[in-house]
């Protein structure tokens, strides 16, 4: 309330010093205040527009980042599946190798016995 009273006092003093009516001086003061408010509103609108632009840009960057991360995850999943296949293939090869070794050992066993038997018999 004190600010209003101070403003009114300033209008009265300005009116007296310019020799104009109080209503004319008040009108000029209101126009000046309206102009200042308009400038402030314009400044706020620009700041808000800039903020919105930055926020939209950040959103676009985040979307692009999420898309890239999703693509990377898909590629990693493919690589993981490929690794699983390689591990399965290695397991198959190992099992086959073990089976072949056992089979070879089994087939060689009678032959080794017959060789040992020939060495043991006097000629």
PDB file of N, CA and C in Angstrom:
ATOM      1  N   UNK A   1       0.814  -1.180   0.000  1.00  0.00           N
ATOM      2  CA  UNK A   1       0.000   0.000   0.000  1.00  0.00           C
ATOM      3  C   UNK A   1       0.872   1.264   0.000  1.00  0.00           C
ATOM      4  N   UNK A   2       1.980   1.167   0.672  1.00  0.00           N
ATOM      5  CA  UNK A   2       2.893   2.309   0.711  1.00  0.00           C
ATOM      6  C   UNK A   2       3.437   2.631  -0.676  1.00  0.00           C
ATOM      7  N   UNK A   3       3.657   1.602  -1.484  1.00  0.00           N
ATOM      8  CA  UNK A   3       4.175   1.823  -2.839  1.00  0.00           C
ATOM      9  C   UNK A   3       3.170   2.588  -3.693  1.00  0.00           C
ATOM     10  N   UNK A   4       1.884   2.267  -3.522  1.00  0.00           N
ATOM     11  CA  UNK A   4       0.836   2.979  -4.271  1.00  0.00           C
ATOM     12  C   UNK A   4       0.812   4.442  -3.855  1.00  0.00           C
ATOM     13  N   UNK A   5       0.886   4.675  -2.560  1.00  0.00           N
ATOM     14  CA  UNK A   5       0.869   6.054  -2.054  1.00  0.00           C
ATOM     15  C   UNK A   5       2.088   6.809  -2.584  1.00  0.00           C
ATOM     16  N   UNK A   6       3.237   6.173  -2.588  1.00  0.00           N
ATOM     17  CA  UNK A   6       4.457   6.806  -3.093  1.00  0.00           C
ATOM     18  C   UNK A   6       4.299   7.121  -4.574  1.00  0.00           C
ATOM     19  N   UNK A   7       3.729   6.202  -5.328  1.00  0.00           N
ATOM     20  CA  UNK A   7       3.511   6.437  -6.759  1.00  0.00           C
ATOM     21  C   UNK A   7       2.557   7.601  -6.984  1.00  0.00           C
ATOM     22  N   UNK A   8       1.502   7.654  -6.193  1.00  0.00           N
ATOM     23  CA  UNK A   8       0.552   8.775  -6.319  1.00  0.00           C
ATOM     24  C   UNK A   8       1.224  10.096  -5.992  1.00  0.00           C
ATOM     25  N   UNK A   9       2.034  10.117  -4.960  1.00  0.00           N
ATOM     26  CA  UNK A   9       2.772  11.334  -4.601  1.00  0.00           C
ATOM     27  C   UNK A   9       3.685  11.758  -5.745  1.00  0.00           C
ATOM     28  N   UNK A  10       4.323  10.791  -6.390  1.00  0.00           N
ATOM     29  CA  UNK A  10       5.209  11.124  -7.505  1.00  0.00           C
ATOM     30  C   UNK A  10       4.412  11.703  -8.681  1.00  0.00           C
ATOM     31  N   UNK A  11       3.223  11.155  -8.931  1.00  0.00           N
ATOM     32  CA  UNK A  11       2.369  11.680 -10.001  1.00  0.00           C
ATOM     33  C   UNK A  11       1.970  13.117  -9.691  1.00  0.00           C
ATOM     34  N   UNK A  12       1.606  13.390  -8.426  1.00  0.00           N
ATOM     35  CA  UNK A  12       1.230  14.755  -8.033  1.00  0.00           C
ATOM     36  C   UNK A  12       2.386  15.721  -8.225  1.00  0.00           C
ATOM     37  N   UNK A  13       3.564  15.343  -7.790  1.00  0.00           N
ATOM     38  CA  UNK A  13       4.745  16.207  -7.924  1.00  0.00           C
ATOM     39  C   UNK A  13       5.067  16.451  -9.388  1.00  0.00           C
ATOM     40  N   UNK A  14       4.992  15.383 -10.195  1.00  0.00           N
ATOM     41  CA  UNK A  14       5.284  15.502 -11.615  1.00  0.00           C
ATOM     42  C   UNK A  14       4.250  16.413 -12.289  1.00  0.00           C
ATOM     43  N   UNK A  15       3.024  16.277 -11.889  1.00  0.00           N
ATOM     44  CA  UNK A  15       1.947  17.105 -12.434  1.00  0.00           C
ATOM     45  C   UNK A  15       2.184  18.573 -12.098  1.00  0.00           C
ATOM     46  N   UNK A  16       2.571  18.830 -10.873  1.00  0.00           N
ATOM     47  CA  UNK A  16       2.814  20.216 -10.447  1.00  0.00           C
ATOM     48  C   UNK A  16       4.014  20.810 -11.182  1.00  0.00           C
ATOM     49  N   UNK A  17       5.076  19.992 -11.350  1.00  0.00           N
ATOM     50  CA  UNK A  17       6.290  20.529 -11.969  1.00  0.00           C
ATOM     51  C   UNK A  17       6.115  20.745 -13.471  1.00  0.00           C
ATOM     52  N   UNK A  18       5.275  19.964 -14.123  1.00  0.00           N
ATOM     53  CA  UNK A  18       5.058  20.101 -15.571  1.00  0.00           C
ATOM     54  C   UNK A  18       3.919  21.057 -15.896  1.00  0.00           C
ATOM     55  N   UNK A  19       3.125  21.353 -14.923  1.00  0.00           N
ATOM     56  CA  UNK A  19       1.990  22.235 -15.158  1.00  0.00           C
ATOM     57  C   UNK A  19       0.867  21.529 -15.911  1.00  0.00           C
ATOM     58  N   UNK A  20       0.779  20.223 -15.782  1.00  0.00           N
ATOM     59  CA  UNK A  20      -0.284  19.456 -16.443  1.00  0.00           C
ATOM     60  C   UNK A  20      -1.279  18.981 -15.405  1.00  0.00           C
ATOM     61  N   UNK A  21      -2.415  18.509 -15.890  1.00  0.00           N
ATOM     62  CA  UNK A  21      -3.424  18.015 -14.954  1.00  0.00           C
ATOM     63  C   UNK A  21      -2.983  16.668 -14.376  1.00  0.00           C
ATOM     64  N   UNK A  22      -3.570  16.371 -13.240  1.00  0.00           N
ATOM     65  CA  UNK A  22      -3.234  15.101 -12.579  1.00  0.00           C
ATOM     66  C   UNK A  22      -3.645  13.929 -13.471  1.00  0.00           C
ATOM     67  N   UNK A  23      -4.794  14.014 -14.103  1.00  0.00           N
ATOM     68  CA  UNK A  23      -5.252  12.899 -14.954  1.00  0.00           C
ATOM     69  C   UNK A  23      -4.338  12.719 -16.162  1.00  0.00           C
ATOM     70  N   UNK A  24      -3.872  13.847 -16.726  1.00  0.00           N
ATOM     71  CA  UNK A  24      -2.953  13.764 -17.858  1.00  0.00           C
ATOM     72  C   UNK A  24      -1.630  13.152 -17.424  1.00  0.00           C
ATOM     73  N   UNK A  25      -1.102  13.561 -16.304  1.00  0.00           N
ATOM     74  CA  UNK A  25       0.146  13.020 -15.781  1.00  0.00           C
ATOM     75  C   UNK A  25      -0.037  11.547 -15.416  1.00  0.00           C
ATOM     76  N   UNK A  26      -1.172  11.219 -14.793  1.00  0.00           N
ATOM     77  CA  UNK A  26      -1.442   9.823 -14.427  1.00  0.00           C
ATOM     78  C   UNK A  26      -1.529   8.963 -15.674  1.00  0.00           C
ATOM     79  N   UNK A  27      -2.161   9.500 -16.711  1.00  0.00           N
ATOM     80  CA  UNK A  27      -2.277   8.761 -17.967  1.00  0.00           C
ATOM     81  C   UNK A  27      -0.901   8.492 -18.562  1.00  0.00           C
ATOM     82  N   UNK A  28      -0.036   9.512 -18.546  1.00  0.00           N
ATOM     83  CA  UNK A  28       1.335   9.330 -19.045  1.00  0.00           C
ATOM     84  C   UNK A  28       2.087   8.302 -18.214  1.00  0.00           C
ATOM     85  N   UNK A  29       1.901   8.378 -16.893  1.00  0.00           N
ATOM     86  CA  UNK A  29       2.566   7.424 -16.007  1.00  0.00           C
ATOM     87  C   UNK A  29       2.062   6.009 -16.264  1.00  0.00           C
ATOM     88  N   UNK A  30       0.740   5.873 -16.450  1.00  0.00           N
ATOM     89  CA  UNK A  30       0.172   4.546 -16.740  1.00  0.00           C
ATOM     90  C   UNK A  30       0.676   4.011 -18.075  1.00  0.00           C
ATOM     91  N   UNK A  31       0.762   4.894 -19.066  1.00  0.00           N
ATOM     92  CA  UNK A  31       1.293   4.470 -20.369  1.00  0.00           C
ATOM     93  C   UNK A  31       2.741   4.007 -20.243  1.00  0.00           C
ATOM     94  N   UNK A  32       3.533   4.754 -19.474  1.00  0.00           N
ATOM     95  CA  UNK A  32       4.933   4.369 -19.260  1.00  0.00           C
ATOM     96  C   UNK A  32       5.004   3.026 -18.535  1.00  0.00           C
ATOM     97  N   UNK A  33       4.154   2.855 -17.516  1.00  0.00           N
ATOM     98  CA  UNK A  33       4.145   1.590 -16.769  1.00  0.00           C
ATOM     99  C   UNK A  33       3.692   0.450 -17.675  1.00  0.00           C
ATOM    100  N   UNK A  34       2.669   0.700 -18.493  1.00  0.00           N
ATOM    101  CA  UNK A  34       2.188  -0.327 -19.417  1.00  0.00           C
ATOM    102  C   UNK A  34       3.272  -0.714 -20.407  1.00  0.00           C
ATOM    103  N   UNK A  35       4.032   0.290 -20.859  1.00  0.00           N
ATOM    104  CA  UNK A  35       5.135   0.019 -21.784  1.00  0.00           C
ATOM    105  C   UNK A  35       6.191  -0.858 -21.120  1.00  0.00           C
ATOM    106  N   UNK A  36       6.516  -0.557 -19.865  1.00  0.00           N
ATOM    107  CA  UNK A  36       7.491  -1.365 -19.123  1.00  0.00           C
ATOM    108  C   UNK A  36       6.990  -2.792 -18.931  1.00  0.00           C
ATOM    109  N   UNK A  37       5.713  -2.912 -18.565  1.00  0.00           N
ATOM    110  CA  UNK A  37       5.121  -4.244 -18.380  1.00  0.00           C
ATOM    111  C   UNK A  37       5.156  -5.007 -19.705  1.00  0.00           C
ATOM    112  N   UNK A  38       4.845  -4.318 -20.778  1.00  0.00           N
ATOM    113  CA  UNK A  38       4.867  -4.940 -22.102  1.00  0.00           C
ATOM    114  C   UNK A  38       6.265  -5.444 -22.449  1.00  0.00           C
ATOM    115  N   UNK A  39       7.278  -4.620 -22.143  1.00  0.00           N
ATOM    116  CA  UNK A  39       8.669  -5.033 -22.385  1.00  0.00           C
ATOM    117  C   UNK A  39       9.016  -6.268 -21.551  1.00  0.00           C
ATOM    118  N   UNK A  40       8.594  -6.246 -20.277  1.00  0.00           N
ATOM    119  CA  UNK A  40       8.859  -7.397 -19.402  1.00  0.00           C
ATOM    120  C   UNK A  40       8.182  -8.657 -19.932  1.00  0.00           C
ATOM    121  N   UNK A  41       6.938  -8.511 -20.372  1.00  0.00           N
ATOM    122  CA  UNK A  41       6.203  -9.656 -20.917  1.00  0.00           C
ATOM    123  C   UNK A  41       6.909 -10.179 -22.168  1.00  0.00           C
ATOM    124  N   UNK A  42       7.348  -9.263 -23.024  1.00  0.00           N
ATOM    125  CA  UNK A  42       8.086  -9.666 -24.232  1.00  0.00           C
ATOM    126  C   UNK A  42       9.355 -10.413 -23.882  1.00  0.00           C
ATOM    127  N   UNK A  43      10.059  -9.893 -22.886  1.00  0.00           N
ATOM    128  CA  UNK A  43      11.288 -10.545 -22.446  1.00  0.00           C
ATOM    129  C   UNK A  43      11.003 -11.941 -21.889  1.00  0.00           C
ATOM    130  N   UNK A  44       9.933 -12.039 -21.096  1.00  0.00           N
ATOM    131  CA  UNK A  44       9.542 -13.343 -20.544  1.00  0.00           C
ATOM    132  C   UNK A  44       9.148 -14.316 -21.652  1.00  0.00           C
ATOM    133  N   UNK A  45       8.386 -13.807 -22.642  1.00  0.00           N
ATOM    134  CA  UNK A  45       7.985 -14.658 -23.757  1.00  0.00           C
ATOM    135  C   UNK A  45       9.196 -15.187 -24.519  1.00  0.00           C
ATOM    136  N   UNK A  46      10.177 -14.307 -24.729  1.00  0.00           N
ATOM    137  CA  UNK A  46      11.391 -14.730 -25.430  1.00  0.00           C
ATOM    138  C   UNK A  46      12.138 -15.778 -24.611  1.00  0.00           C
ATOM    139  N   UNK A  47      12.264 -15.523 -23.307  1.00  0.00           N
ATOM    140  CA  UNK A  47      12.949 -16.481 -22.440  1.00  0.00           C
ATOM    141  C   UNK A  47      12.225 -17.830 -22.431  1.00  0.00           C
ATOM    142  N   UNK A  48      10.892 -17.756 -22.362  1.00  0.00           N
ATOM    143  CA  UNK A  48      10.122 -18.998 -22.372  1.00  0.00           C
ATOM    144  C   UNK A  48      10.269 -19.710 -23.712  1.00  0.00           C
ATOM    145  N   UNK A  49      10.258 -18.946 -24.789  1.00  0.00           N
ATOM    146  CA  UNK A  49      10.448 -19.535 -26.116  1.00  0.00           C
ATOM    147  C   UNK A  49      11.802 -20.203 -26.228  1.00  0.00           C
ATOM    148  N   UNK A  50      12.831 -19.517 -25.728  1.00  0.00           N
ATOM    149  CA  UNK A  50      14.177 -20.097 -25.735  1.00  0.00           C
ATOM    150  C   UNK A  50      14.215 -21.373 -24.895  1.00  0.00           C
ATOM    151  N   UNK A  51      13.581 -21.325 -23.721  1.00  0.00           N
ATOM    152  CA  UNK A  51      13.544 -22.500 -22.848  1.00  0.00           C
ATOM    153  C   UNK A  51      12.835 -23.657 -23.521  1.00  0.00           C
ATOM    154  N   UNK A  52      11.723 -23.361 -24.172  1.00  0.00           N
ATOM    155  CA  UNK A  52      10.975 -24.405 -24.872  1.00  0.00           C
ATOM    156  C   UNK A  52      11.822 -24.990 -25.997  1.00  0.00           C
ATOM    157  N   UNK A  53      12.509 -24.130 -26.732  1.00  0.00           N
ATOM    158  CA  UNK A  53      13.365 -24.606 -27.831  1.00  0.00           C
ATOM    159  C   UNK A  53      14.464 -25.522 -27.300  1.00  0.00           C
ATOM    160  N   UNK A  54      15.090 -25.101 -26.220  1.00  0.00           N
ATOM    161  CA  UNK A  54      16.166 -25.913 -25.629  1.00  0.00           C
ATOM    162  C   UNK A  54      15.601 -27.238 -25.130  1.00  0.00           C
ATOM    163  N   UNK A  55      14.426 -27.192 -24.510  1.00  0.00           N
ATOM    164  CA  UNK A  55      13.809 -28.415 -24.007  1.00  0.00           C
ATOM    165  C   UNK A  55      13.455 -29.351 -25.162  1.00  0.00           C
ATOM    166  N   UNK A  56      12.916 -28.805 -26.242  1.00  0.00           N
ATOM    167  CA  UNK A  56      12.593 -29.627 -27.410  1.00  0.00           C
ATOM    168  C   UNK A  56      13.846 -30.229 -28.013  1.00  0.00           C
ATOM    169  N   UNK A  57      14.898 -29.432 -28.090  1.00  0.00           N
ATOM    170  CA  UNK A  57      16.165 -29.931 -28.629  1.00  0.00           C
ATOM    171  C   UNK A  57      16.732 -31.038 -27.752  1.00  0.00           C
ATOM    172  N   UNK A  58      16.669 -30.831 -26.432  1.00  0.00           N
ATOM    173  CA  UNK A  58      17.139 -31.866 -25.506  1.00  0.00           C
ATOM    174  C   UNK A  58      16.303 -33.133 -25.653  1.00  0.00           C
ATOM    175  N   UNK A  59      14.991 -32.968 -25.838  1.00  0.00           N
ATOM    176  CA  UNK A  59      14.122 -34.129 -26.045  1.00  0.00           C
ATOM    177  C   UNK A  59      14.498 -34.884 -27.306  1.00  0.00           C
ATOM    178  N   UNK A  60      14.784 -34.153 -28.381  1.00  0.00           N
ATOM    179  CA  UNK A  60      15.182 -34.794 -29.639  1.00  0.00           C
ATOM    180  C   UNK A  60      16.502 -35.541 -29.475  1.00  0.00           C
ATOM    181  N   UNK A  61      17.432 -34.927 -28.755  1.00  0.00           N
ATOM    182  CA  UNK A  61      18.727 -35.580 -28.510  1.00  0.00           C
ATOM    183  C   UNK A  61      18.526 -36.842 -27.673  1.00  0.00           C
ATOM    184  N   UNK A  62      17.678 -36.740 -26.656  1.00  0.00           N
ATOM    185  CA  UNK A  62      17.418 -37.913 -25.815  1.00  0.00           C
ATOM    186  C   UNK A  62      16.757 -39.027 -26.624  1.00  0.00           C
ATOM    187  N   UNK A  63      15.804 -38.674 -27.498  1.00  0.00           N
ATOM    188  CA  UNK A  63      15.142 -39.689 -28.318  1.00  0.00           C
ATOM    189  C   UNK A  63      16.162 -40.375 -29.219  1.00  0.00           C
ATOM    190  N   UNK A  64      17.023 -39.578 -29.852  1.00  0.00           N
ATOM    191  CA  UNK A  64      18.055 -40.149 -30.722  1.00  0.00           C
ATOM    192  C   UNK A  64      18.981 -41.058 -29.919  1.00  0.00           C
ATOM    193  N   UNK A  65      19.319 -40.643 -28.704  1.00  0.00           N
ATOM    194  CA  UNK A  65      20.190 -41.454 -27.848  1.00  0.00           C
ATOM    195  C   UNK A  65      19.507 -42.766 -27.482  1.00  0.00           C
ATOM    196  N   UNK A  66      18.226 -42.686 -27.116  1.00  0.00           N
ATOM    197  CA  UNK A  66      17.477 -43.901 -26.766  1.00  0.00           C
ATOM    198  C   UNK A  66      17.403 -44.830 -27.975  1.00  0.00           C
ATOM    199  N   UNK A  67      17.170 -44.270 -29.156  1.00  0.00           N
ATOM    200  CA  UNK A  67      17.117 -45.087 -30.374  1.00  0.00           C
ATOM    201  C   UNK A  67      18.462 -45.776 -30.619  1.00  0.00           C
ATOM    202  N   UNK A  68      19.545 -45.045 -30.415  1.00  0.00           N
ATOM    203  CA  UNK A  68      20.882 -45.635 -30.617  1.00  0.00           C
ATOM    204  C   UNK A  68      21.164 -46.720 -29.585  1.00  0.00           C
ATOM    205  N   UNK A  69      20.766 -46.468 -28.353  1.00  0.00           N
ATOM    206  CA  UNK A  69      20.963 -47.473 -27.309  1.00  0.00           C
ATOM    207  C   UNK A  69      20.155 -48.729 -27.632  1.00  0.00           C
ATOM    208  N   UNK A  70      18.914 -48.547 -28.090  1.00  0.00           N
ATOM    209  CA  UNK A  70      18.078 -49.699 -28.454  1.00  0.00           C
ATOM    210  C   UNK A  70      18.724 -50.487 -29.596  1.00  0.00           C
ATOM    211  N   UNK A  71      19.273 -49.783 -30.577  1.00  0.00           N
ATOM    212  CA  UNK A  71      19.959 -50.454 -31.687  1.00  0.00           C
ATOM    213  C   UNK A  71      21.188 -51.205 -31.179  1.00  0.00           C
ATOM    214  N   UNK A  72      21.925 -50.591 -30.259  1.00  0.00           N
ATOM    215  CA  UNK A  72      23.104 -51.249 -29.691  1.00  0.00           C
ATOM    216  C   UNK A  72      22.702 -52.497 -28.914  1.00  0.00           C
ATOM    217  N   UNK A  73      21.599 -52.412 -28.184  1.00  0.00           N
ATOM    218  CA  UNK A  73      21.114 -53.580 -27.433  1.00  0.00           C
ATOM    219  C   UNK A  73      20.757 -54.706 -28.399  1.00  0.00           C
ATOM    220  N   UNK A  74      20.083 -54.368 -29.503  1.00  0.00           N
ATOM    221  CA  UNK A  74      19.734 -55.394 -30.496  1.00  0.00           C
ATOM    222  C   UNK A  74      20.992 -56.049 -31.063  1.00  0.00           C
ATOM    223  N   UNK A  75      22.006 -55.227 -31.366  1.00  0.00           N
ATOM    224  CA  UNK A  75      23.253 -55.774 -31.898  1.00  0.00           C
ATOM    225  C   UNK A  75      23.955 -56.655 -30.858  1.00  0.00           C
ATOM    226  N   UNK A  76      23.935 -56.224 -29.616  1.00  0.00           N
ATOM    227  CA  UNK A  76      24.543 -57.036 -28.558  1.00  0.00           C
ATOM    228  C   UNK A  76      23.798 -58.362 -28.389  1.00  0.00           C
ATOM    229  N   UNK A  77      22.475 -58.327 -28.499  1.00  0.00           N
ATOM    230  CA  UNK A  77      21.697 -59.559 -28.405  1.00  0.00           C
ATOM    231  C   UNK A  77      22.052 -60.512 -29.546  1.00  0.00           C
ATOM    232  N   UNK A  78      22.241 -59.955 -30.759  1.00  0.00           N
ATOM    233  CA  UNK A  78      22.669 -60.786 -31.892  1.00  0.00           C
ATOM    234  C   UNK A  78      24.043 -61.394 -31.626  1.00  0.00           C
ATOM    235  N   UNK A  79      24.945 -60.564 -31.100  1.00  0.00           N
ATOM    236  CA  UNK A  79      26.291 -61.057 -30.796  1.00  0.00           C
ATOM    237  C   UNK A  79      26.236 -62.147 -29.724  1.00  0.00           C
ATOM    238  N   UNK A  80      25.403 -61.947 -28.723  1.00  0.00           N
ATOM    239  CA  UNK A  80      25.249 -62.934 -27.661  1.00  0.00           C
ATOM    240  C   UNK A  80      24.693 -64.235 -28.219  1.00  0.00           C
ATOM    241  N   UNK A  81      23.721 -64.157 -29.110  1.00  0.00           N
ATOM    242  CA  UNK A  81      23.165 -65.359 -29.735  1.00  0.00           C
ATOM    243  C   UNK A  81      24.234 -66.070 -30.557  1.00  0.00           C
ATOM    244  N   UNK A  82      25.027 -65.294 -31.296  1.00  0.00           N
ATOM    245  CA  UNK A  82      26.137 -65.881 -32.056  1.00  0.00           C
ATOM    246  C   UNK A  82      27.144 -66.564 -31.146  1.00  0.00           C
ATOM    247  N   UNK A  83      27.430 -65.933 -30.014  1.00  0.00           N
ATOM    248  CA  UNK A  83      28.362 -66.527 -29.040  1.00  0.00           C
ATOM    249  C   UNK A  83      27.798 -67.832 -28.489  1.00  0.00           C
ATOM    250  N   UNK A  84      26.489 -67.842 -28.208  1.00  0.00           N
ATOM    251  CA  UNK A  84      25.854 -69.083 -27.726  1.00  0.00           C
ATOM    252  C   UNK A  84      25.988 -70.197 -28.760  1.00  0.00           C
ATOM    253  N   UNK A  85      25.777 -69.849 -30.021  1.00  0.00           N
ATOM    254  CA  UNK A  85      25.907 -70.860 -31.084  1.00  0.00           C
ATOM    255  C   UNK A  85      27.328 -71.400 -31.163  1.00  0.00           C
ATOM    256  N   UNK A  86      28.304 -70.503 -31.056  1.00  0.00           N
ATOM    257  CA  UNK A  86      29.707 -70.939 -31.087  1.00  0.00           C
ATOM    258  C   UNK A  86      29.996 -71.867 -29.910  1.00  0.00           C
ATOM    259  N   UNK A  87      29.502 -71.502 -28.725  1.00  0.00           N
ATOM    260  CA  UNK A  87      29.710 -72.341 -27.535  1.00  0.00           C
ATOM    261  C   UNK A  87      29.051 -73.707 -27.733  1.00  0.00           C
ATOM    262  N   UNK A  88      27.842 -73.716 -28.293  1.00  0.00           N
ATOM    263  CA  UNK A  88      27.168 -74.996 -28.573  1.00  0.00           C
ATOM    264  C   UNK A  88      27.974 -75.820 -29.564  1.00  0.00           C
ATOM    265  N   UNK A  89      28.487 -75.164 -30.613  1.00  0.00           N
ATOM    266  CA  UNK A  89      29.278 -75.874 -31.620  1.00  0.00           C
ATOM    267  C   UNK A  89      30.551 -76.436 -31.003  1.00  0.00           C
ATOM    268  N   UNK A  90      31.190 -75.651 -30.132  1.00  0.00           N
ATOM    269  CA  UNK A  90      32.402 -76.136 -29.457  1.00  0.00           C
ATOM    270  C   UNK A  90      32.059 -77.349 -28.593  1.00  0.00           C
ATOM    271  N   UNK A  91      30.924 -77.287 -27.916  1.00  0.00           N
ATOM    272  CA  UNK A  91      30.485 -78.431 -27.100  1.00  0.00           C
ATOM    273  C   UNK A  91      30.230 -79.659 -27.953  1.00  0.00           C
ATOM    274  N   UNK A  92      29.614 -79.464 -29.116  1.00  0.00           N
ATOM    275  CA  UNK A  92      29.353 -80.580 -30.030  1.00  0.00           C
ATOM    276  C   UNK A  92      30.663 -81.179 -30.526  1.00  0.00           C
ATOM    277  N   UNK A  93      31.595 -80.321 -30.911  1.00  0.00           N
ATOM    278  CA  UNK A  93      32.903 -80.790 -31.385  1.00  0.00           C
ATOM    279  C   UNK A  93      33.622 -81.539 -30.270  1.00  0.00           C
ATOM    280  N   UNK A  94      33.559 -81.013 -29.065  1.00  0.00           N
ATOM    281  CA  UNK A  94      34.222 -81.677 -27.934  1.00  0.00           C
ATOM    282  C   UNK A  94      33.596 -83.043 -27.670  1.00  0.00           C
ATOM    283  N   UNK A  95      32.271 -83.112 -27.696  1.00  0.00           N
ATOM    284  CA  UNK A  95      31.593 -84.397 -27.476  1.00  0.00           C
ATOM    285  C   UNK A  95      31.947 -85.389 -28.571  1.00  0.00           C
ATOM    286  N   UNK A  96      31.941 -84.917 -29.816  1.00  0.00           N
ATOM    287  CA  UNK A  96      32.286 -85.785 -30.947  1.00  0.00           C
ATOM    288  C   UNK A  96      33.728 -86.262 -30.824  1.00  0.00           C
ATOM    289  N   UNK A  97      34.620 -85.353 -30.433  1.00  0.00           N
ATOM    290  CA  UNK A  97      36.028 -85.728 -30.272  1.00  0.00           C
ATOM    291  C   UNK A  97      36.187 -86.779 -29.180  1.00  0.00           C
ATOM    292  N   UNK A  98      35.472 -86.596 -28.079  1.00  0.00           N
ATOM    293  CA  UNK A  98      35.542 -87.576 -26.989  1.00  0.00           C
ATOM    294  C   UNK A  98      34.999 -88.929 -27.449  1.00  0.00           C
ATOM    295  N   UNK A  99      33.910 -88.917 -28.193  1.00  0.00           N
ATOM    296  CA  UNK A  99      33.339 -90.162 -28.706  1.00  0.00           C
ATOM    297  C   UNK A  99      34.303 -90.840 -29.672  1.00  0.00           C
ATOM    298  N   UNK A 100      34.922 -90.059 -30.560  1.00  0.00           N
ATOM    299  CA  UNK A 100      35.876 -90.630 -31.507  1.00  0.00           C
ATOM    300  C   UNK A 100      37.097 -91.188 -30.787  1.00  0.00           C
ATOM    301  N   UNK A 101      37.548 -90.473 -29.753  1.00  0.00           N
ATOM    302  CA  UNK A 101      38.708 -90.958 -28.993  1.00  0.00           C
ATOM    303  C   UNK A 101      38.362 -92.276 -28.307  1.00  0.00           C
ATOM    304  N   UNK A 102      37.171 -92.345 -27.713  1.00  0.00           N
ATOM    305  CA  UNK A 102      36.757 -93.578 -27.046  1.00  0.00           C
ATOM    306  C   UNK A 102      36.603 -94.695 -28.063  1.00  0.00           C
ATOM    307  N   UNK A 103      36.035 -94.392 -29.225  1.00  0.00           N
ATOM    308  CA  UNK A 103      35.850 -95.384 -30.271  1.00  0.00           C
ATOM    309  C   UNK A 103      37.199 -95.865 -30.792  1.00  0.00           C
ATOM    310  N   UNK A 104      38.120 -94.938 -31.017  1.00  0.00           N
ATOM    311  CA  UNK A 104      39.462 -95.301 -31.487  1.00  0.00           C
ATOM    312  C   UNK A 104      40.168 -96.167 -30.465  1.00  0.00           C
ATOM    313  N   UNK A 105      40.020 -95.811 -29.220  1.00  0.00           N
ATOM    314  CA  UNK A 105      40.648 -96.577 -28.141  1.00  0.00           C
ATOM    315  C   UNK A 105      40.050 -97.985 -28.088  1.00  0.00           C
ATOM    316  N   UNK A 106      38.746 -98.053 -28.276  1.00  0.00           N
ATOM    317  CA  UNK A 106      38.062 -99.345 -28.248  1.00  0.00           C
ATOM    318  C   UNK A 106      38.502-100.213 -29.421  1.00  0.00           C
ATOM    319  N   UNK A 107      38.640 -99.585 -30.592  1.00  0.00           N
ATOM    320  CA  UNK A 107      39.069-100.351 -31.766  1.00  0.00           C
ATOM    321  C   UNK A 107      40.539-100.743 -31.654  1.00  0.00           C
ATOM    322  N   UNK A 108      41.327 -99.933 -31.034  1.00  0.00           N
ATOM    323  CA  UNK A 108      42.759-100.223 -30.928  1.00  0.00           C
ATOM    324  C   UNK A 108      43.033-101.239 -29.836  1.00  0.00           C
ATOM    325  N   UNK A 109      42.143-101.386 -28.928  1.00  0.00           N
ATOM    326  CA  UNK A 109      42.360-102.277 -27.795  1.00  0.00           C
ATOM    327  C   UNK A 109      42.590-103.728 -28.224  1.00  0.00           C
ATOM    328  N   UNK A 110      41.782-104.334 -29.080  1.00  0.00           N
ATOM    329  CA  UNK A 110      42.059-105.718 -29.500  1.00  0.00           C
ATOM    330  C   UNK A 110      43.357-105.809 -30.300  1.00  0.00           C
ATOM    331  N   UNK A 111      43.606-104.804 -31.106  1.00  0.00           N
ATOM    332  CA  UNK A 111      44.829-104.808 -31.905  1.00  0.00           C
ATOM    333  C   UNK A 111      46.045-104.758 -30.999  1.00  0.00           C
ATOM    334  N   UNK A 112      45.991-103.890 -29.950  1.00  0.00           N
ATOM    335  CA  UNK A 112      47.097-103.784 -29.002  1.00  0.00           C
ATOM    336  C   UNK A 112      47.280-105.105 -28.255  1.00  0.00           C
ATOM    337  N   UNK A 113      46.180-105.760 -27.914  1.00  0.00           N
ATOM    338  CA  UNK A 113      46.287-107.054 -27.212  1.00  0.00           C
ATOM    339  C   UNK A 113      46.918-108.104 -28.117  1.00  0.00           C
ATOM    340  N   UNK A 114      46.532-108.076 -29.380  1.00  0.00           N
ATOM    341  CA  UNK A 114      47.100-109.075 -30.288  1.00  0.00           C
ATOM    342  C   UNK A 114      48.586-108.784 -30.520  1.00  0.00           C
ATOM    343  N   UNK A 115      48.988-107.552 -30.555  1.00  0.00           N
ATOM    344  CA  UNK A 115      50.412-107.203 -30.712  1.00  0.00           C
ATOM    345  C   UNK A 115      51.178-107.629 -29.496  1.00  0.00           C
ATOM    346  N   UNK A 116      50.577-107.398 -28.325  1.00  0.00           N
ATOM    347  CA  UNK A 116      51.263-107.798 -27.100  1.00  0.00           C
ATOM    348  C   UNK A 116      51.385-109.311 -27.031  1.00  0.00           C
ATOM    349  N   UNK A 117      50.331-109.939 -27.516  1.00  0.00           N
ATOM    350  CA  UNK A 117      50.345-111.400 -27.493  1.00  0.00           C
ATOM    351  C   UNK A 117      51.405-111.955 -28.423  1.00  0.00           C
ATOM    352  N   UNK A 118      51.656-111.347 -29.553  1.00  0.00           N
ATOM    353  CA  UNK A 118      52.677-111.804 -30.492  1.00  0.00           C
ATOM    354  C   UNK A 118      54.064-111.569 -29.924  1.00  0.00           C
ATOM    355  N   UNK A 119      54.231-110.502 -29.203  1.00  0.00           N
ATOM    356  CA  UNK A 119      55.553-110.222 -28.628  1.00  0.00           C
ATOM    357  C   UNK A 119      55.864-111.236 -27.529  1.00  0.00           C
ATOM    358  N   UNK A 120      54.827-111.598 -26.814  1.00  0.00           N
ATOM    359  CA  UNK A 120      55.046-112.514 -25.690  1.00  0.00           C
ATOM    360  C   UNK A 120      55.305-113.930 -26.172  1.00  0.00           C
ATOM    361  N   UNK A 121      54.807-114.296 -27.360  1.00  0.00           N
ATOM    362  CA  UNK A 121      55.009-115.691 -27.798  1.00  0.00           C
ATOM    363  C   UNK A 121      56.376-115.849 -28.455  1.00  0.00           C
ATOM    364  N   UNK A 122      57.091-116.904 -28.117  1.00  0.00           N
ATOM    365  CA  UNK A 122      58.412-117.112 -28.719  1.00  0.00           C
ATOM    366  C   UNK A 122      58.267-117.603 -30.177  1.00  0.00           C
ATOM    367  N   UNK A 123      59.045-117.037 -31.033  1.00  0.00           N
ATOM    368  CA  UNK A 123      59.020-117.445 -32.442  1.00  0.00           C
ATOM    369  C   UNK A 123      60.104-118.395 -32.752  1.00  0.00           C
TER     370      UNK A 123
END
